[in-house]
C-alpha cells in the first residue's frame, strides 16, 4: 500500500499522478503500521512536497517511523530535540538508537557532542560499539564484490572514520 501510494503521489511507473489517491494510500498504510509510509509522510510534511509544510505532522510521522525502527527518522528526531527544543540529552538518546540502525550522521552527531563536551565518553563509546555491530551485521561478500566494481558504491563507513 505504501509503495502504491508513492507511485500515485509522484506519478511514477506509468501509473499516472493522483496525489489525493496517493495520500489516502500513504495515510492508511501509516495507520496500519507501515514504517515506509510514515517516513515518506514525514518527508512530505517536512519539505512541503504536495502538502503544506507542517512541523507537528512531520514530528508525528517521524515518531511513528522511528518506533518502527527507521534509523533515519530517529536521527531527525534527535535533530529536532537538539535544535528546536534544546534537549541535548534526548537528542543523544535518539542518536544512540539511530547508531544501532547504522546511521553514520547520528554517530557523527554524538562524536561532535563528545568533542564539545555535551556527550559523555560512555555515550560515544556506546555509539561506536552499536555502529560497529551494525557494520558487522550487514557486511557480506556480495556487497563487498559490488563495492569493488563501483567506486561510488559505499555501504559501509568504518568506525575508523569516526575516531576522535
C-alpha atoms as a PDB file:
ATOM      1  CA  UNK A   1       0.000   0.000   0.000  1.00  0.00           C
ATOM      2  CA  UNK A   2       2.893   2.337   0.828  1.00  0.00           C
ATOM      3  CA  UNK A   3       4.654   1.723  -2.480  1.00  0.00           C
ATOM      4  CA  UNK A   4       1.418   2.159  -4.408  1.00  0.00           C
ATOM      5  CA  UNK A   5       0.768   5.408  -2.538  1.00  0.00           C
ATOM      6  CA  UNK A   6       4.197   6.687  -3.568  1.00  0.00           C
ATOM      7  CA  UNK A   7       3.540   5.651  -7.167  1.00  0.00           C
ATOM      8  CA  UNK A   8       0.322   7.682  -7.244  1.00  0.00           C
ATOM      9  CA  UNK A   9       1.724  10.687  -5.357  1.00  0.00           C
ATOM     10  CA  UNK A  10       4.727  11.014  -7.657  1.00  0.00           C
ATOM     11  CA  UNK A  11       3.159   9.654 -10.846  1.00  0.00           C
ATOM     12  CA  UNK A  12       5.834   7.028 -11.407  1.00  0.00           C
ATOM     13  CA  UNK A  13       5.988   3.854 -13.449  1.00  0.00           C
ATOM     14  CA  UNK A  14       3.333   4.956 -15.902  1.00  0.00           C
ATOM     15  CA  UNK A  15       0.589   4.844 -13.279  1.00  0.00           C
ATOM     16  CA  UNK A  16      -0.368   8.476 -13.680  1.00  0.00           C
ATOM     17  CA  UNK A  17      -0.253  11.037 -10.921  1.00  0.00           C
ATOM     18  CA  UNK A  18      -3.155  11.160  -8.489  1.00  0.00           C
ATOM     19  CA  UNK A  19      -1.957  12.935  -5.361  1.00  0.00           C
ATOM     20  CA  UNK A  20      -5.228  12.595  -3.465  1.00  0.00           C
ATOM     21  CA  UNK A  21      -5.338   8.844  -4.020  1.00  0.00           C
ATOM     22  CA  UNK A  22      -1.638   8.530  -3.193  1.00  0.00           C
ATOM     23  CA  UNK A  23      -2.005  10.470   0.058  1.00  0.00           C
ATOM     24  CA  UNK A  24      -5.012   8.379   1.037  1.00  0.00           C
ATOM     25  CA  UNK A  25      -2.990   5.194   0.499  1.00  0.00           C
ATOM     26  CA  UNK A  26       0.037   6.532   2.384  1.00  0.00           C
ATOM     27  CA  UNK A  27      -2.074   7.698   5.320  1.00  0.00           C
ATOM     28  CA  UNK A  28      -3.860   4.339   5.510  1.00  0.00           C
ATOM     29  CA  UNK A  29      -0.575   2.432   5.237  1.00  0.00           C
ATOM     30  CA  UNK A  30       0.864   4.532   8.059  1.00  0.00           C
ATOM     31  CA  UNK A  31      -2.217   3.862  10.202  1.00  0.00           C
ATOM     32  CA  UNK A  32      -1.656   0.143   9.600  1.00  0.00           C
ATOM     33  CA  UNK A  33       1.934   0.425  10.792  1.00  0.00           C
ATOM     34  CA  UNK A  34       3.940   0.897   7.603  1.00  0.00           C
ATOM     35  CA  UNK A  35       7.276   2.406   8.598  1.00  0.00           C
ATOM     36  CA  UNK A  36       7.974   3.303   4.977  1.00  0.00           C
ATOM     37  CA  UNK A  37       4.692   5.195   4.637  1.00  0.00           C
ATOM     38  CA  UNK A  38       5.290   7.067   7.898  1.00  0.00           C
ATOM     39  CA  UNK A  39       8.790   8.019   6.777  1.00  0.00           C
ATOM     40  CA  UNK A  40       7.509   9.200   3.397  1.00  0.00           C
ATOM     41  CA  UNK A  41       4.770  11.280   5.025  1.00  0.00           C
ATOM     42  CA  UNK A  42       7.278  12.848   7.436  1.00  0.00           C
ATOM     43  CA  UNK A  43       9.450  13.834   4.486  1.00  0.00           C
ATOM     44  CA  UNK A  44       6.484  15.247   2.581  1.00  0.00           C
ATOM     45  CA  UNK A  45       5.267  17.352   5.522  1.00  0.00           C
ATOM     46  CA  UNK A  46       8.787  18.466   6.393  1.00  0.00           C
ATOM     47  CA  UNK A  47       9.613  19.673   2.893  1.00  0.00           C
ATOM     48  CA  UNK A  48       6.154  20.733   1.711  1.00  0.00           C
ATOM     49  CA  UNK A  49       6.057  18.126  -1.061  1.00  0.00           C
ATOM     50  CA  UNK A  50       2.482  18.098  -2.421  1.00  0.00           C
ATOM     51  CA  UNK A  51       1.230  19.229   1.016  1.00  0.00           C
ATOM     52  CA  UNK A  52       1.594  22.323   3.168  1.00  0.00           C
ATOM     53  CA  UNK A  53       4.609  22.203   5.477  1.00  0.00           C
ATOM     54  CA  UNK A  54       3.517  21.098   8.923  1.00  0.00           C
ATOM     55  CA  UNK A  55       6.007  20.634  11.776  1.00  0.00           C
ATOM     56  CA  UNK A  56       3.541  18.810  14.036  1.00  0.00           C
ATOM     57  CA  UNK A  57       2.667  16.274  11.350  1.00  0.00           C
ATOM     58  CA  UNK A  58       6.340  15.912  10.468  1.00  0.00           C
ATOM     59  CA  UNK A  59       7.145  15.051  14.083  1.00  0.00           C
ATOM     60  CA  UNK A  60       4.153  12.711  14.351  1.00  0.00           C
ATOM     61  CA  UNK A  61       5.207  10.674  11.319  1.00  0.00           C
ATOM     62  CA  UNK A  62       8.883  10.746  12.316  1.00  0.00           C
ATOM     63  CA  UNK A  63       7.884   9.288  15.688  1.00  0.00           C
ATOM     64  CA  UNK A  64       5.861   6.529  14.027  1.00  0.00           C
ATOM     65  CA  UNK A  65       8.716   5.684  11.669  1.00  0.00           C
ATOM     66  CA  UNK A  66      11.278   5.779  14.494  1.00  0.00           C
ATOM     67  CA  UNK A  67       9.168   3.492  16.680  1.00  0.00           C
ATOM     68  CA  UNK A  68       9.114   1.109  13.726  1.00  0.00           C
ATOM     69  CA  UNK A  69      12.905   1.035  13.612  1.00  0.00           C
ATOM     70  CA  UNK A  70      13.702   3.645  10.967  1.00  0.00           C
ATOM     71  CA  UNK A  71      17.177   4.946  11.863  1.00  0.00           C
ATOM     72  CA  UNK A  72      16.848   7.959   9.563  1.00  0.00           C
ATOM     73  CA  UNK A  73      13.674   9.075  11.372  1.00  0.00           C
ATOM     74  CA  UNK A  74      15.372   8.509  14.721  1.00  0.00           C
ATOM     75  CA  UNK A  75      18.279  10.711  13.595  1.00  0.00           C
ATOM     76  CA  UNK A  76      15.921  13.530  12.575  1.00  0.00           C
ATOM     77  CA  UNK A  77      14.057  13.329  15.880  1.00  0.00           C
ATOM     78  CA  UNK A  78      17.431  13.870  17.527  1.00  0.00           C
ATOM     79  CA  UNK A  79      17.988  16.947  15.391  1.00  0.00           C
ATOM     80  CA  UNK A  80      14.562  18.272  16.396  1.00  0.00           C
ATOM     81  CA  UNK A  81      15.293  17.709  20.076  1.00  0.00           C
ATOM     82  CA  UNK A  82      18.628  19.464  19.841  1.00  0.00           C
ATOM     83  CA  UNK A  83      17.887  22.412  17.592  1.00  0.00           C
ATOM     84  CA  UNK A  84      14.186  23.060  18.174  1.00  0.00           C
ATOM     85  CA  UNK A  85      13.883  22.164  21.850  1.00  0.00           C
ATOM     86  CA  UNK A  86      17.464  22.446  23.144  1.00  0.00           C
ATOM     87  CA  UNK A  87      17.270  18.989  24.733  1.00  0.00           C
ATOM     88  CA  UNK A  88      20.715  17.596  24.062  1.00  0.00           C
ATOM     89  CA  UNK A  89      20.257  14.568  26.328  1.00  0.00           C
ATOM     90  CA  UNK A  90      17.179  13.480  24.363  1.00  0.00           C
ATOM     91  CA  UNK A  91      18.962  14.101  21.065  1.00  0.00           C
ATOM     92  CA  UNK A  92      21.774  11.819  22.174  1.00  0.00           C
ATOM     93  CA  UNK A  93      19.276   9.083  23.139  1.00  0.00           C
ATOM     94  CA  UNK A  94      17.724   9.265  19.667  1.00  0.00           C
ATOM     95  CA  UNK A  95      21.140   9.219  18.026  1.00  0.00           C
ATOM     96  CA  UNK A  96      22.278   6.222  20.073  1.00  0.00           C
ATOM     97  CA  UNK A  97      19.272   4.312  18.741  1.00  0.00           C
ATOM     98  CA  UNK A  98      19.998   5.545  15.215  1.00  0.00           C
ATOM     99  CA  UNK A  99      23.579   4.255  15.543  1.00  0.00           C
ATOM    100  CA  UNK A 100      22.160   0.800  16.241  1.00  0.00           C
ATOM    101  CA  UNK A 101      20.457   1.111  12.852  1.00  0.00           C
ATOM    102  CA  UNK A 102      23.680   2.156  11.147  1.00  0.00           C
ATOM    103  CA  UNK A 103      23.075   5.865  10.696  1.00  0.00           C
ATOM    104  CA  UNK A 104      26.529   7.486  10.238  1.00  0.00           C
ATOM    105  CA  UNK A 105      25.259  11.040  10.781  1.00  0.00           C
ATOM    106  CA  UNK A 106      23.957  10.028  14.213  1.00  0.00           C
ATOM    107  CA  UNK A 107      27.392   8.698  15.092  1.00  0.00           C
ATOM    108  CA  UNK A 108      28.907  11.955  13.851  1.00  0.00           C
ATOM    109  CA  UNK A 109      26.445  13.920  15.999  1.00  0.00           C
ATOM    110  CA  UNK A 110      27.494  12.011  19.108  1.00  0.00           C
ATOM    111  CA  UNK A 111      31.141  12.393  18.160  1.00  0.00           C
ATOM    112  CA  UNK A 112      30.644  16.147  17.848  1.00  0.00           C
ATOM    113  CA  UNK A 113      28.886  16.153  21.202  1.00  0.00           C
ATOM    114  CA  UNK A 114      31.756  14.283  22.781  1.00  0.00           C
ATOM    115  CA  UNK A 115      34.351  16.692  21.395  1.00  0.00           C
ATOM    116  CA  UNK A 116      32.387  19.754  22.552  1.00  0.00           C
ATOM    117  CA  UNK A 117      31.501  18.265  25.937  1.00  0.00           C
ATOM    118  CA  UNK A 118      27.751  17.752  25.503  1.00  0.00           C
ATOM    119  CA  UNK A 119      28.004  13.946  25.193  1.00  0.00           C
ATOM    120  CA  UNK A 120      29.858  11.670  27.562  1.00  0.00           C
ATOM    121  CA  UNK A 121      32.702   9.347  26.704  1.00  0.00           C
ATOM    122  CA  UNK A 122      30.379   6.455  27.615  1.00  0.00           C
ATOM    123  CA  UNK A 123      27.792   7.720  25.087  1.00  0.00           C
ATOM    124  CA  UNK A 124      30.419   7.941  22.373  1.00  0.00           C
ATOM    125  CA  UNK A 125      31.820   4.502  23.165  1.00  0.00           C
ATOM    126  CA  UNK A 126      28.319   3.002  23.124  1.00  0.00           C
ATOM    127  CA  UNK A 127      27.607   4.695  19.790  1.00  0.00           C
ATOM    128  CA  UNK A 128      30.831   3.332  18.295  1.00  0.00           C
ATOM    129  CA  UNK A 129      30.073  -0.196  19.551  1.00  0.00           C
ATOM    130  CA  UNK A 130      26.494  -0.075  18.239  1.00  0.00           C
ATOM    131  CA  UNK A 131      27.561   1.254  14.868  1.00  0.00           C
ATOM    132  CA  UNK A 132      30.357  -1.339  14.596  1.00  0.00           C
ATOM    133  CA  UNK A 133      27.857  -4.094  15.425  1.00  0.00           C
ATOM    134  CA  UNK A 134      25.602  -2.818  12.655  1.00  0.00           C
ATOM    135  CA  UNK A 135      28.530  -2.865  10.216  1.00  0.00           C
ATOM    136  CA  UNK A 136      29.383  -6.422  11.225  1.00  0.00           C
ATOM    137  CA  UNK A 137      25.753  -7.477  10.752  1.00  0.00           C
ATOM    138  CA  UNK A 138      25.357  -6.033   7.237  1.00  0.00           C
ATOM    139  CA  UNK A 139      28.778  -6.924   5.863  1.00  0.00           C
ATOM    140  CA  UNK A 140      28.609  -9.571   3.154  1.00  0.00           C
ATOM    141  CA  UNK A 141      30.767 -10.975   0.381  1.00  0.00           C
ATOM    142  CA  UNK A 142      28.218  -9.942  -2.269  1.00  0.00           C
ATOM    143  CA  UNK A 143      28.179  -6.342  -1.064  1.00  0.00           C
ATOM    144  CA  UNK A 144      31.973  -6.280  -0.959  1.00  0.00           C
ATOM    145  CA  UNK A 145      32.042  -7.588  -4.527  1.00  0.00           C
ATOM    146  CA  UNK A 146      29.580  -4.902  -5.683  1.00  0.00           C
ATOM    147  CA  UNK A 147      31.595  -2.201  -3.927  1.00  0.00           C
ATOM    148  CA  UNK A 148      34.792  -3.402  -5.617  1.00  0.00           C
ATOM    149  CA  UNK A 149      33.229  -2.817  -9.057  1.00  0.00           C
ATOM    150  CA  UNK A 150      31.875   0.667  -8.358  1.00  0.00           C
ATOM    151  CA  UNK A 151      33.905   3.307  -6.538  1.00  0.00           C
ATOM    152  CA  UNK A 152      30.725   5.283  -5.820  1.00  0.00           C
ATOM    153  CA  UNK A 153      29.064   2.332  -4.074  1.00  0.00           C
ATOM    154  CA  UNK A 154      29.590   2.638  -0.335  1.00  0.00           C
ATOM    155  CA  UNK A 155      27.520   0.626   2.069  1.00  0.00           C
ATOM    156  CA  UNK A 156      29.924   0.776   4.990  1.00  0.00           C
ATOM    157  CA  UNK A 157      31.668   3.617   6.740  1.00  0.00           C
ATOM    158  CA  UNK A 158      34.305   2.224   9.052  1.00  0.00           C
ATOM    159  CA  UNK A 159      34.280   3.291  12.673  1.00  0.00           C
ATOM    160  CA  UNK A 160      37.885   4.317  11.984  1.00  0.00           C
ATOM    161  CA  UNK A 161      36.373   7.306  10.163  1.00  0.00           C
ATOM    162  CA  UNK A 162      34.883   8.458  13.478  1.00  0.00           C
ATOM    163  CA  UNK A 163      37.871   8.283  15.808  1.00  0.00           C
ATOM    164  CA  UNK A 164      38.494  11.429  17.835  1.00  0.00           C
END
